[in-house]
C-alpha cells in the first residue's frame, strides 16, 4: 500500500501442480510461466513487477515455475519461456511467448478486459 491507501497487485508464486489453482479464480488473471535458469524470464519478471505496481486490484498476477509445475505448464500449452497466459473467469483469452515490456503487458491486460 502507498501513502494514499491504494492497493497494488502483488505477484503470487503458484505452488503445487494443479491447473485448477488458476482456473478456479474469478476475474482477470495474468500468469507468467518462467524458469529459474531463464535469463529473459528474470528480465520480464522485473517488467511484471513494474506493471503490478501500477495495476488495479482487479487483476491477479501469478507466476508458475515450469520446472515445479509441469502438469500446469502442459495444461496451458506453454512450450517456451517466458510466456504469459491471461485468463478471464478461468478461460484463456490471451497467450504469448517471449519477454515483454511493462507497456506491452499493460496493453495485453487492457485488451483482455
PDB file of N, CA and C in Angstrom:
ATOM      1  N   UNK A   1       0.833  -1.186   0.000  1.00  0.00           N
ATOM      2  CA  UNK A   1       0.000   0.000   0.000  1.00  0.00           C
ATOM      3  C   UNK A   1       0.870   1.239   0.000  1.00  0.00           C
ATOM      4  N   UNK A   2       0.442   2.251  -0.731  1.00  0.00           N
ATOM      5  CA  UNK A   2       1.194   3.502  -0.720  1.00  0.00           C
ATOM      6  C   UNK A   2       0.600   4.437   0.328  1.00  0.00           C
ATOM      7  N   UNK A   3       1.113   5.654   0.378  1.00  0.00           N
ATOM      8  CA  UNK A   3       0.674   6.608   1.393  1.00  0.00           C
ATOM      9  C   UNK A   3      -0.771   7.042   1.224  1.00  0.00           C
ATOM     10  N   UNK A   4      -1.343   6.782   0.056  1.00  0.00           N
ATOM     11  CA  UNK A   4      -2.715   7.216  -0.207  1.00  0.00           C
ATOM     12  C   UNK A   4      -3.723   6.099   0.015  1.00  0.00           C
ATOM     13  N   UNK A   5      -3.267   4.938   0.469  1.00  0.00           N
ATOM     14  CA  UNK A   5      -4.182   3.849   0.769  1.00  0.00           C
ATOM     15  C   UNK A   5      -4.543   3.010  -0.443  1.00  0.00           C
ATOM     16  N   UNK A   6      -3.917   3.228  -1.578  1.00  0.00           N
ATOM     17  CA  UNK A   6      -4.208   2.421  -2.749  1.00  0.00           C
ATOM     18  C   UNK A   6      -3.595   1.043  -2.580  1.00  0.00           C
ATOM     19  N   UNK A   7      -4.269   0.046  -3.156  1.00  0.00           N
ATOM     20  CA  UNK A   7      -3.680  -1.285  -3.092  1.00  0.00           C
ATOM     21  C   UNK A   7      -3.111  -1.635  -4.457  1.00  0.00           C
ATOM     22  N   UNK A   8      -2.009  -2.352  -4.439  1.00  0.00           N
ATOM     23  CA  UNK A   8      -1.350  -2.763  -5.658  1.00  0.00           C
ATOM     24  C   UNK A   8      -1.460  -4.272  -5.778  1.00  0.00           C
ATOM     25  N   UNK A   9      -1.528  -4.730  -7.008  1.00  0.00           N
ATOM     26  CA  UNK A   9      -1.494  -6.159  -7.242  1.00  0.00           C
ATOM     27  C   UNK A   9      -0.117  -6.679  -6.863  1.00  0.00           C
ATOM     28  N   UNK A  10      -0.075  -7.852  -6.300  1.00  0.00           N
ATOM     29  CA  UNK A  10       1.185  -8.490  -5.971  1.00  0.00           C
ATOM     30  C   UNK A  10       1.319  -9.745  -6.814  1.00  0.00           C
ATOM     31  N   UNK A  11       2.557 -10.165  -7.031  1.00  0.00           N
ATOM     32  CA  UNK A  11       2.798 -11.372  -7.800  1.00  0.00           C
ATOM     33  C   UNK A  11       2.770 -12.557  -6.844  1.00  0.00           C
ATOM     34  N   UNK A  12       1.890 -13.487  -7.121  1.00  0.00           N
ATOM     35  CA  UNK A  12       1.744 -14.672  -6.281  1.00  0.00           C
ATOM     36  C   UNK A  12       2.439 -15.847  -6.955  1.00  0.00           C
ATOM     37  N   UNK A  13       3.367 -16.454  -6.255  1.00  0.00           N
ATOM     38  CA  UNK A  13       4.013 -17.666  -6.750  1.00  0.00           C
ATOM     39  C   UNK A  13       3.031 -18.815  -6.542  1.00  0.00           C
ATOM     40  N   UNK A  14       2.612 -19.441  -7.633  1.00  0.00           N
ATOM     41  CA  UNK A  14       1.672 -20.559  -7.542  1.00  0.00           C
ATOM     42  C   UNK A  14       2.478 -21.821  -7.299  1.00  0.00           C
ATOM     43  N   UNK A  15       2.221 -22.465  -6.169  1.00  0.00           N
ATOM     44  CA  UNK A  15       2.931 -23.696  -5.837  1.00  0.00           C
ATOM     45  C   UNK A  15       2.007 -24.876  -6.078  1.00  0.00           C
ATOM     46  N   UNK A  16       2.593 -26.035  -6.140  1.00  0.00           N
ATOM     47  CA  UNK A  16       1.811 -27.217  -6.468  1.00  0.00           C
ATOM     48  C   UNK A  16       1.711 -27.326  -7.976  1.00  0.00           C
ATOM     49  N   UNK A  17       1.070 -28.341  -8.435  1.00  0.00           N
ATOM     50  CA  UNK A  17       0.988 -28.573  -9.874  1.00  0.00           C
ATOM     51  C   UNK A  17      -0.434 -28.921 -10.270  1.00  0.00           C
ATOM     52  N   UNK A  18      -1.360 -28.039  -9.929  1.00  0.00           N
ATOM     53  CA  UNK A  18      -2.766 -28.247 -10.242  1.00  0.00           C
ATOM     54  C   UNK A  18      -3.284 -27.035 -11.015  1.00  0.00           C
ATOM     55  N   UNK A  19      -3.622 -27.216 -12.301  1.00  0.00           N
ATOM     56  CA  UNK A  19      -4.128 -26.096 -13.098  1.00  0.00           C
ATOM     57  C   UNK A  19      -5.340 -25.403 -12.474  1.00  0.00           C
ATOM     58  N   UNK A  20      -6.102 -26.127 -11.648  1.00  0.00           N
ATOM     59  CA  UNK A  20      -7.287 -25.526 -11.023  1.00  0.00           C
ATOM     60  C   UNK A  20      -6.937 -24.361 -10.116  1.00  0.00           C
ATOM     61  N   UNK A  21      -5.706 -24.337  -9.621  1.00  0.00           N
ATOM     62  CA  UNK A  21      -5.276 -23.203  -8.786  1.00  0.00           C
ATOM     63  C   UNK A  21      -5.414 -21.900  -9.566  1.00  0.00           C
ATOM     64  N   UNK A  22      -5.361 -21.978 -10.891  1.00  0.00           N
ATOM     65  CA  UNK A  22      -5.536 -20.803 -11.748  1.00  0.00           C
ATOM     66  C   UNK A  22      -6.935 -20.766 -12.359  1.00  0.00           C
ATOM     67  N   UNK A  23      -7.421 -21.920 -12.791  1.00  0.00           N
ATOM     68  CA  UNK A  23      -8.709 -21.973 -13.486  1.00  0.00           C
ATOM     69  C   UNK A  23      -9.888 -21.599 -12.609  1.00  0.00           C
ATOM     70  N   UNK A  24      -9.786 -21.858 -11.324  1.00  0.00           N
ATOM     71  CA  UNK A  24     -10.904 -21.596 -10.417  1.00  0.00           C
ATOM     72  C   UNK A  24     -10.963 -20.153  -9.920  1.00  0.00           C
ATOM     73  N   UNK A  25     -10.024 -19.336 -10.354  1.00  0.00           N
ATOM     74  CA  UNK A  25     -10.017 -17.932  -9.912  1.00  0.00           C
ATOM     75  C   UNK A  25     -11.001 -17.112 -10.737  1.00  0.00           C
ATOM     76  N   UNK A  26     -11.813 -16.314 -10.081  1.00  0.00           N
ATOM     77  CA  UNK A  26     -12.710 -15.436 -10.833  1.00  0.00           C
ATOM     78  C   UNK A  26     -11.956 -14.213 -11.355  1.00  0.00           C
ATOM     79  N   UNK A  27     -12.507 -13.611 -12.369  1.00  0.00           N
ATOM     80  CA  UNK A  27     -11.944 -12.363 -12.877  1.00  0.00           C
ATOM     81  C   UNK A  27     -10.726 -12.578 -13.748  1.00  0.00           C
ATOM     82  N   UNK A  28      -9.930 -11.529 -13.826  1.00  0.00           N
ATOM     83  CA  UNK A  28      -8.771 -11.481 -14.709  1.00  0.00           C
ATOM     84  C   UNK A  28      -7.518 -11.952 -13.972  1.00  0.00           C
ATOM     85  N   UNK A  29      -6.795 -12.881 -14.603  1.00  0.00           N
ATOM     86  CA  UNK A  29      -5.564 -13.434 -14.021  1.00  0.00           C
ATOM     87  C   UNK A  29      -4.474 -13.409 -15.078  1.00  0.00           C
ATOM     88  N   UNK A  30      -3.371 -12.751 -14.774  1.00  0.00           N
ATOM     89  CA  UNK A  30      -2.194 -12.770 -15.636  1.00  0.00           C
ATOM     90  C   UNK A  30      -1.224 -13.779 -15.035  1.00  0.00           C
ATOM     91  N   UNK A  31      -0.777 -14.745 -15.854  1.00  0.00           N
ATOM     92  CA  UNK A  31       0.135 -15.779 -15.379  1.00  0.00           C
ATOM     93  C   UNK A  31       1.429 -15.709 -16.175  1.00  0.00           C
ATOM     94  N   UNK A  32       2.545 -15.575 -15.461  1.00  0.00           N
ATOM     95  CA  UNK A  32       3.854 -15.664 -16.097  1.00  0.00           C
ATOM     96  C   UNK A  32       4.386 -17.070 -15.867  1.00  0.00           C
ATOM     97  N   UNK A  33       4.677 -17.767 -16.956  1.00  0.00           N
ATOM     98  CA  UNK A  33       5.358 -19.052 -16.875  1.00  0.00           C
ATOM     99  C   UNK A  33       6.842 -18.769 -17.043  1.00  0.00           C
ATOM    100  N   UNK A  34       7.640 -19.287 -16.121  1.00  0.00           N
ATOM    101  CA  UNK A  34       9.049 -18.948 -16.080  1.00  0.00           C
ATOM    102  C   UNK A  34       9.864 -20.126 -15.572  1.00  0.00           C
ATOM    103  N   UNK A  35      11.194 -19.983 -15.622  1.00  0.00           N
ATOM    104  CA  UNK A  35      12.105 -20.972 -15.063  1.00  0.00           C
ATOM    105  C   UNK A  35      13.295 -20.227 -14.451  1.00  0.00           C
ATOM    106  N   UNK A  36      13.835 -20.795 -13.404  1.00  0.00           N
ATOM    107  CA  UNK A  36      14.955 -20.172 -12.700  1.00  0.00           C
ATOM    108  C   UNK A  36      16.156 -19.965 -13.621  1.00  0.00           C
ATOM    109  N   UNK A  37      16.395 -20.887 -14.532  1.00  0.00           N
ATOM    110  CA  UNK A  37      17.561 -20.833 -15.424  1.00  0.00           C
ATOM    111  C   UNK A  37      17.374 -19.875 -16.602  1.00  0.00           C
ATOM    112  N   UNK A  38      16.212 -19.273 -16.733  1.00  0.00           N
ATOM    113  CA  UNK A  38      15.852 -18.458 -17.903  1.00  0.00           C
ATOM    114  C   UNK A  38      16.117 -16.970 -17.641  1.00  0.00           C
ATOM    115  N   UNK A  39      17.188 -16.451 -18.218  1.00  0.00           N
ATOM    116  CA  UNK A  39      17.523 -15.024 -18.033  1.00  0.00           C
ATOM    117  C   UNK A  39      16.423 -14.089 -18.524  1.00  0.00           C
ATOM    118  N   UNK A  40      15.826 -14.318 -19.715  1.00  0.00           N
ATOM    119  CA  UNK A  40      14.730 -13.443 -20.145  1.00  0.00           C
ATOM    120  C   UNK A  40      13.534 -13.472 -19.186  1.00  0.00           C
ATOM    121  N   UNK A  41      13.339 -14.603 -18.511  1.00  0.00           N
ATOM    122  CA  UNK A  41      12.250 -14.694 -17.533  1.00  0.00           C
ATOM    123  C   UNK A  41      12.466 -13.717 -16.381  1.00  0.00           C
ATOM    124  N   UNK A  42      13.716 -13.626 -15.929  1.00  0.00           N
ATOM    125  CA  UNK A  42      14.023 -12.717 -14.827  1.00  0.00           C
ATOM    126  C   UNK A  42      13.861 -11.264 -15.268  1.00  0.00           C
ATOM    127  N   UNK A  43      14.257 -10.969 -16.497  1.00  0.00           N
ATOM    128  CA  UNK A  43      14.082  -9.608 -17.015  1.00  0.00           C
ATOM    129  C   UNK A  43      12.597  -9.272 -17.117  1.00  0.00           C
ATOM    130  N   UNK A  44      11.806 -10.223 -17.600  1.00  0.00           N
ATOM    131  CA  UNK A  44      10.372  -9.971 -17.724  1.00  0.00           C
ATOM    132  C   UNK A  44       9.717  -9.877 -16.352  1.00  0.00           C
ATOM    133  N   UNK A  45      10.218 -10.601 -15.372  1.00  0.00           N
ATOM    134  CA  UNK A  45       9.664 -10.516 -14.020  1.00  0.00           C
ATOM    135  C   UNK A  45       9.760  -9.081 -13.501  1.00  0.00           C
ATOM    136  N   UNK A  46      10.875  -8.418 -13.793  1.00  0.00           N
ATOM    137  CA  UNK A  46      11.024  -7.019 -13.380  1.00  0.00           C
ATOM    138  C   UNK A  46       9.975  -6.146 -14.057  1.00  0.00           C
ATOM    139  N   UNK A  47       9.680  -6.427 -15.310  1.00  0.00           N
ATOM    140  CA  UNK A  47       8.655  -5.664 -16.037  1.00  0.00           C
ATOM    141  C   UNK A  47       7.265  -5.947 -15.454  1.00  0.00           C
ATOM    142  N   UNK A  48       7.010  -7.191 -15.093  1.00  0.00           N
ATOM    143  CA  UNK A  48       5.722  -7.539 -14.481  1.00  0.00           C
ATOM    144  C   UNK A  48       5.602  -6.865 -13.115  1.00  0.00           C
ATOM    145  N   UNK A  49       6.692  -6.812 -12.376  1.00  0.00           N
ATOM    146  CA  UNK A  49       6.666  -6.112 -11.088  1.00  0.00           C
ATOM    147  C   UNK A  49       6.350  -4.633 -11.283  1.00  0.00           C
ATOM    148  N   UNK A  50       6.900  -4.033 -12.325  1.00  0.00           N
ATOM    149  CA  UNK A  50       6.582  -2.630 -12.631  1.00  0.00           C
ATOM    150  C   UNK A  50       5.106  -2.493 -12.979  1.00  0.00           C
ATOM    151  N   UNK A  51       4.589  -3.415 -13.777  1.00  0.00           N
ATOM    152  CA  UNK A  51       3.165  -3.403 -14.115  1.00  0.00           C
ATOM    153  C   UNK A  51       2.318  -3.587 -12.855  1.00  0.00           C
ATOM    154  N   UNK A  52       2.706  -4.519 -12.000  1.00  0.00           N
ATOM    155  CA  UNK A  52       1.948  -4.805 -10.780  1.00  0.00           C
ATOM    156  C   UNK A  52       1.867  -3.580  -9.876  1.00  0.00           C
ATOM    157  N   UNK A  53       2.930  -2.787  -9.868  1.00  0.00           N
ATOM    158  CA  UNK A  53       2.937  -1.583  -9.035  1.00  0.00           C
ATOM    159  C   UNK A  53       1.913  -0.560  -9.514  1.00  0.00           C
ATOM    160  N   UNK A  54       1.504  -0.667 -10.772  1.00  0.00           N
ATOM    161  CA  UNK A  54       0.526   0.257 -11.347  1.00  0.00           C
ATOM    162  C   UNK A  54      -0.856  -0.366 -11.489  1.00  0.00           C
ATOM    163  N   UNK A  55      -0.930  -1.682 -11.415  1.00  0.00           N
ATOM    164  CA  UNK A  55      -2.186  -2.387 -11.697  1.00  0.00           C
ATOM    165  C   UNK A  55      -3.207  -2.132 -10.599  1.00  0.00           C
ATOM    166  N   UNK A  56      -4.437  -2.221 -10.993  1.00  0.00           N
ATOM    167  CA  UNK A  56      -5.520  -2.148 -10.017  1.00  0.00           C
ATOM    168  C   UNK A  56      -5.706  -3.529  -9.419  1.00  0.00           C
ATOM    169  N   UNK A  57      -6.412  -3.595  -8.323  1.00  0.00           N
ATOM    170  CA  UNK A  57      -6.567  -4.889  -7.680  1.00  0.00           C
ATOM    171  C   UNK A  57      -7.591  -5.779  -8.382  1.00  0.00           C
ATOM    172  N   UNK A  58      -8.018  -5.416  -9.594  1.00  0.00           N
ATOM    173  CA  UNK A  58      -8.957  -6.258 -10.337  1.00  0.00           C
ATOM    174  C   UNK A  58      -8.246  -7.290 -11.211  1.00  0.00           C
ATOM    175  N   UNK A  59      -6.924  -7.342 -11.147  1.00  0.00           N
ATOM    176  CA  UNK A  59      -6.176  -8.354 -11.888  1.00  0.00           C
ATOM    177  C   UNK A  59      -5.245  -9.076 -10.922  1.00  0.00           C
ATOM    178  N   UNK A  60      -5.376 -10.399 -10.899  1.00  0.00           N
ATOM    179  CA  UNK A  60      -4.464 -11.216 -10.102  1.00  0.00           C
ATOM    180  C   UNK A  60      -3.241 -11.501 -10.966  1.00  0.00           C
ATOM    181  N   UNK A  61      -2.065 -11.432 -10.374  1.00  0.00           N
ATOM    182  CA  UNK A  61      -0.832 -11.682 -11.109  1.00  0.00           C
ATOM    183  C   UNK A  61      -0.140 -12.863 -10.447  1.00  0.00           C
ATOM    184  N   UNK A  62       0.069 -13.905 -11.244  1.00  0.00           N
ATOM    185  CA  UNK A  62       0.640 -15.140 -10.725  1.00  0.00           C
ATOM    186  C   UNK A  62       1.871 -15.533 -11.530  1.00  0.00           C
ATOM    187  N   UNK A  63       2.732 -16.310 -10.898  1.00  0.00           N
ATOM    188  CA  UNK A  63       3.917 -16.839 -11.560  1.00  0.00           C
ATOM    189  C   UNK A  63       3.951 -18.347 -11.346  1.00  0.00           C
ATOM    190  N   UNK A  64       4.244 -19.066 -12.421  1.00  0.00           N
ATOM    191  CA  UNK A  64       4.329 -20.523 -12.369  1.00  0.00           C
ATOM    192  C   UNK A  64       5.709 -20.937 -12.859  1.00  0.00           C
ATOM    193  N   UNK A  65       6.448 -21.627 -12.014  1.00  0.00           N
ATOM    194  CA  UNK A  65       7.753 -22.177 -12.375  1.00  0.00           C
ATOM    195  C   UNK A  65       7.496 -23.465 -13.153  1.00  0.00           C
ATOM    196  N   UNK A  66       7.903 -23.498 -14.417  1.00  0.00           N
ATOM    197  CA  UNK A  66       7.599 -24.658 -15.263  1.00  0.00           C
ATOM    198  C   UNK A  66       8.279 -25.932 -14.763  1.00  0.00           C
ATOM    199  N   UNK A  67       9.393 -25.796 -14.087  1.00  0.00           N
ATOM    200  CA  UNK A  67      10.100 -26.961 -13.559  1.00  0.00           C
ATOM    201  C   UNK A  67       9.318 -27.588 -12.416  1.00  0.00           C
ATOM    202  N   UNK A  68       8.705 -26.740 -11.599  1.00  0.00           N
ATOM    203  CA  UNK A  68       7.944 -27.204 -10.438  1.00  0.00           C
ATOM    204  C   UNK A  68       6.511 -27.620 -10.799  1.00  0.00           C
ATOM    205  N   UNK A  69       6.013 -27.158 -11.925  1.00  0.00           N
ATOM    206  CA  UNK A  69       4.601 -27.374 -12.284  1.00  0.00           C
ATOM    207  C   UNK A  69       4.443 -27.843 -13.730  1.00  0.00           C
ATOM    208  N   UNK A  70       4.972 -29.016 -14.066  1.00  0.00           N
ATOM    209  CA  UNK A  70       4.889 -29.475 -15.456  1.00  0.00           C
ATOM    210  C   UNK A  70       3.458 -29.741 -15.942  1.00  0.00           C
ATOM    211  N   UNK A  71       2.580 -30.251 -15.082  1.00  0.00           N
ATOM    212  CA  UNK A  71       1.193 -30.502 -15.498  1.00  0.00           C
ATOM    213  C   UNK A  71       0.468 -29.208 -15.820  1.00  0.00           C
ATOM    214  N   UNK A  72       0.656 -28.208 -14.965  1.00  0.00           N
ATOM    215  CA  UNK A  72       0.021 -26.904 -15.198  1.00  0.00           C
ATOM    216  C   UNK A  72       0.564 -26.289 -16.476  1.00  0.00           C
ATOM    217  N   UNK A  73       1.874 -26.370 -16.669  1.00  0.00           N
ATOM    218  CA  UNK A  73       2.510 -25.837 -17.870  1.00  0.00           C
ATOM    219  C   UNK A  73       1.944 -26.509 -19.111  1.00  0.00           C
ATOM    220  N   UNK A  74       1.821 -27.826 -19.076  1.00  0.00           N
ATOM    221  CA  UNK A  74       1.282 -28.569 -20.215  1.00  0.00           C
ATOM    222  C   UNK A  74      -0.189 -28.224 -20.442  1.00  0.00           C
ATOM    223  N   UNK A  75      -0.956 -28.111 -19.361  1.00  0.00           N
ATOM    224  CA  UNK A  75      -2.387 -27.792 -19.487  1.00  0.00           C
ATOM    225  C   UNK A  75      -2.600 -26.494 -20.279  1.00  0.00           C
ATOM    226  N   UNK A  76      -1.743 -25.503 -20.035  1.00  0.00           N
ATOM    227  CA  UNK A  76      -1.886 -24.214 -20.709  1.00  0.00           C
ATOM    228  C   UNK A  76      -1.124 -24.142 -22.029  1.00  0.00           C
ATOM    229  N   UNK A  77      -0.547 -25.253 -22.458  1.00  0.00           N
ATOM    230  CA  UNK A  77       0.101 -25.305 -23.763  1.00  0.00           C
ATOM    231  C   UNK A  77       1.364 -24.470 -23.865  1.00  0.00           C
ATOM    232  N   UNK A  78       2.035 -24.271 -22.747  1.00  0.00           N
ATOM    233  CA  UNK A  78       3.255 -23.463 -22.741  1.00  0.00           C
ATOM    234  C   UNK A  78       4.424 -24.349 -23.150  1.00  0.00           C
ATOM    235  N   UNK A  79       5.123 -23.942 -24.212  1.00  0.00           N
ATOM    236  CA  UNK A  79       6.254 -24.729 -24.692  1.00  0.00           C
ATOM    237  C   UNK A  79       7.570 -23.964 -24.662  1.00  0.00           C
ATOM    238  N   UNK A  80       7.510 -22.667 -24.346  1.00  0.00           N
ATOM    239  CA  UNK A  80       8.740 -21.889 -24.209  1.00  0.00           C
ATOM    240  C   UNK A  80       8.523 -20.823 -23.140  1.00  0.00           C
ATOM    241  N   UNK A  81       9.635 -20.401 -22.570  1.00  0.00           N
ATOM    242  CA  UNK A  81       9.571 -19.377 -21.532  1.00  0.00           C
ATOM    243  C   UNK A  81      10.491 -18.227 -21.891  1.00  0.00           C
ATOM    244  N   UNK A  82      10.151 -17.028 -21.465  1.00  0.00           N
ATOM    245  CA  UNK A  82       8.963 -16.704 -20.676  1.00  0.00           C
ATOM    246  C   UNK A  82       7.710 -16.717 -21.553  1.00  0.00           C
ATOM    247  N   UNK A  83       6.602 -17.024 -20.928  1.00  0.00           N
ATOM    248  CA  UNK A  83       5.299 -16.961 -21.590  1.00  0.00           C
ATOM    249  C   UNK A  83       4.300 -16.306 -20.653  1.00  0.00           C
ATOM    250  N   UNK A  84       3.312 -15.674 -21.248  1.00  0.00           N
ATOM    251  CA  UNK A  84       2.207 -15.076 -20.499  1.00  0.00           C
ATOM    252  C   UNK A  84       0.917 -15.726 -20.964  1.00  0.00           C
ATOM    253  N   UNK A  85       0.074 -16.065 -20.012  1.00  0.00           N
ATOM    254  CA  UNK A  85      -1.289 -16.503 -20.287  1.00  0.00           C
ATOM    255  C   UNK A  85      -2.190 -15.587 -19.469  1.00  0.00           C
ATOM    256  N   UNK A  86      -3.227 -15.069 -20.119  1.00  0.00           N
ATOM    257  CA  UNK A  86      -4.207 -14.243 -19.412  1.00  0.00           C
ATOM    258  C   UNK A  86      -5.525 -14.995 -19.421  1.00  0.00           C
ATOM    259  N   UNK A  87      -6.093 -15.144 -18.236  1.00  0.00           N
ATOM    260  CA  UNK A  87      -7.371 -15.831 -18.061  1.00  0.00           C
ATOM    261  C   UNK A  87      -8.426 -14.825 -17.637  1.00  0.00           C
ATOM    262  N   UNK A  88      -9.644 -15.055 -18.100  1.00  0.00           N
ATOM    263  CA  UNK A  88     -10.794 -14.303 -17.605  1.00  0.00           C
ATOM    264  C   UNK A  88     -11.811 -15.334 -17.169  1.00  0.00           C
ATOM    265  N   UNK A  89     -12.086 -15.378 -15.874  1.00  0.00           N
ATOM    266  CA  UNK A  89     -13.010 -16.351 -15.291  1.00  0.00           C
ATOM    267  C   UNK A  89     -12.678 -17.772 -15.732  1.00  0.00           C
ATOM    268  N   UNK A  90     -11.388 -18.107 -15.704  1.00  0.00           N
ATOM    269  CA  UNK A  90     -10.943 -19.467 -15.994  1.00  0.00           C
ATOM    270  C   UNK A  90     -10.748 -19.804 -17.453  1.00  0.00           C
ATOM    271  N   UNK A  91     -11.080 -18.889 -18.345  1.00  0.00           N
ATOM    272  CA  UNK A  91     -10.922 -19.118 -19.787  1.00  0.00           C
ATOM    273  C   UNK A  91      -9.704 -18.358 -20.294  1.00  0.00           C
ATOM    274  N   UNK A  92      -8.887 -19.015 -21.116  1.00  0.00           N
ATOM    275  CA  UNK A  92      -7.728 -18.347 -21.697  1.00  0.00           C
ATOM    276  C   UNK A  92      -8.196 -17.337 -22.732  1.00  0.00           C
ATOM    277  N   UNK A  93      -7.797 -16.073 -22.545  1.00  0.00           N
ATOM    278  CA  UNK A  93      -8.155 -15.024 -23.501  1.00  0.00           C
ATOM    279  C   UNK A  93      -6.936 -14.489 -24.241  1.00  0.00           C
ATOM    280  N   UNK A  94      -5.739 -14.840 -23.738  1.00  0.00           N
ATOM    281  CA  UNK A  94      -4.512 -14.428 -24.433  1.00  0.00           C
ATOM    282  C   UNK A  94      -3.384 -15.364 -24.022  1.00  0.00           C
ATOM    283  N   UNK A  95      -2.516 -15.642 -25.001  1.00  0.00           N
ATOM    284  CA  UNK A  95      -1.316 -16.441 -24.736  1.00  0.00           C
ATOM    285  C   UNK A  95      -0.211 -15.910 -25.630  1.00  0.00           C
ATOM    286  N   UNK A  96       0.963 -15.680 -25.073  1.00  0.00           N
ATOM    287  CA  UNK A  96       2.095 -15.244 -25.892  1.00  0.00           C
ATOM    288  C   UNK A  96       3.398 -15.677 -25.250  1.00  0.00           C
ATOM    289  N   UNK A  97       4.385 -15.903 -26.097  1.00  0.00           N
ATOM    290  CA  UNK A  97       5.715 -16.294 -25.646  1.00  0.00           C
ATOM    291  C   UNK A  97       6.680 -15.155 -25.915  1.00  0.00           C
ATOM    292  N   UNK A  98       7.750 -15.133 -25.155  1.00  0.00           N
ATOM    293  CA  UNK A  98       8.773 -14.109 -25.331  1.00  0.00           C
ATOM    294  C   UNK A  98       8.644 -13.020 -24.290  1.00  0.00           C
ATOM    295  N   UNK A  99       9.779 -12.409 -23.990  1.00  0.00           N
ATOM    296  CA  UNK A  99       9.804 -11.347 -22.989  1.00  0.00           C
ATOM    297  C   UNK A  99       9.008 -10.139 -23.474  1.00  0.00           C
ATOM    298  N   UNK A 100       8.333  -9.501 -22.540  1.00  0.00           N
ATOM    299  CA  UNK A 100       7.517  -8.320 -22.823  1.00  0.00           C
ATOM    300  C   UNK A 100       7.949  -7.187 -21.895  1.00  0.00           C
ATOM    301  N   UNK A 101       7.762  -5.981 -22.369  1.00  0.00           N
ATOM    302  CA  UNK A 101       7.995  -4.792 -21.546  1.00  0.00           C
ATOM    303  C   UNK A 101       6.715  -4.452 -20.792  1.00  0.00           C
ATOM    304  N   UNK A 102       6.837  -3.627 -19.770  1.00  0.00           N
ATOM    305  CA  UNK A 102       5.678  -3.230 -18.965  1.00  0.00           C
ATOM    306  C   UNK A 102       4.548  -2.687 -19.820  1.00  0.00           C
ATOM    307  N   UNK A 103       4.882  -1.833 -20.781  1.00  0.00           N
ATOM    308  CA  UNK A 103       3.845  -1.230 -21.622  1.00  0.00           C
ATOM    309  C   UNK A 103       3.124  -2.286 -22.463  1.00  0.00           C
ATOM    310  N   UNK A 104       3.848  -3.281 -22.936  1.00  0.00           N
ATOM    311  CA  UNK A 104       3.226  -4.360 -23.712  1.00  0.00           C
ATOM    312  C   UNK A 104       2.306  -5.193 -22.816  1.00  0.00           C
ATOM    313  N   UNK A 105       2.760  -5.463 -21.609  1.00  0.00           N
ATOM    314  CA  UNK A 105       1.949  -6.223 -20.651  1.00  0.00           C
ATOM    315  C   UNK A 105       0.665  -5.459 -20.350  1.00  0.00           C
ATOM    316  N   UNK A 106       0.773  -4.168 -20.134  1.00  0.00           N
ATOM    317  CA  UNK A 106      -0.400  -3.336 -19.851  1.00  0.00           C
ATOM    318  C   UNK A 106      -1.385  -3.383 -21.009  1.00  0.00           C
ATOM    319  N   UNK A 107      -0.893  -3.331 -22.247  1.00  0.00           N
ATOM    320  CA  UNK A 107      -1.794  -3.412 -23.407  1.00  0.00           C
ATOM    321  C   UNK A 107      -2.476  -4.764 -23.498  1.00  0.00           C
ATOM    322  N   UNK A 108      -1.742  -5.848 -23.207  1.00  0.00           N
ATOM    323  CA  UNK A 108      -2.338  -7.188 -23.246  1.00  0.00           C
ATOM    324  C   UNK A 108      -3.452  -7.315 -22.221  1.00  0.00           C
ATOM    325  N   UNK A 109      -3.210  -6.817 -21.025  1.00  0.00           N
ATOM    326  CA  UNK A 109      -4.226  -6.900 -19.955  1.00  0.00           C
ATOM    327  C   UNK A 109      -5.424  -6.018 -20.321  1.00  0.00           C
ATOM    328  N   UNK A 110      -5.172  -4.833 -20.819  1.00  0.00           N
ATOM    329  CA  UNK A 110      -6.274  -3.941 -21.220  1.00  0.00           C
ATOM    330  C   UNK A 110      -7.122  -4.597 -22.299  1.00  0.00           C
ATOM    331  N   UNK A 111      -6.479  -5.270 -23.226  1.00  0.00           N
ATOM    332  CA  UNK A 111      -7.213  -5.948 -24.300  1.00  0.00           C
ATOM    333  C   UNK A 111      -8.009  -7.141 -23.812  1.00  0.00           C
ATOM    334  N   UNK A 112      -7.608  -7.713 -22.701  1.00  0.00           N
ATOM    335  CA  UNK A 112      -8.315  -8.876 -22.142  1.00  0.00           C
ATOM    336  C   UNK A 112      -9.496  -8.476 -21.285  1.00  0.00           C
ATOM    337  N   UNK A 113      -9.527  -7.206 -20.871  1.00  0.00           N
ATOM    338  CA  UNK A 113     -10.629  -6.760 -20.007  1.00  0.00           C
ATOM    339  C   UNK A 113     -11.871  -6.747 -20.782  1.00  0.00           C
TER     340      UNK A 113
END
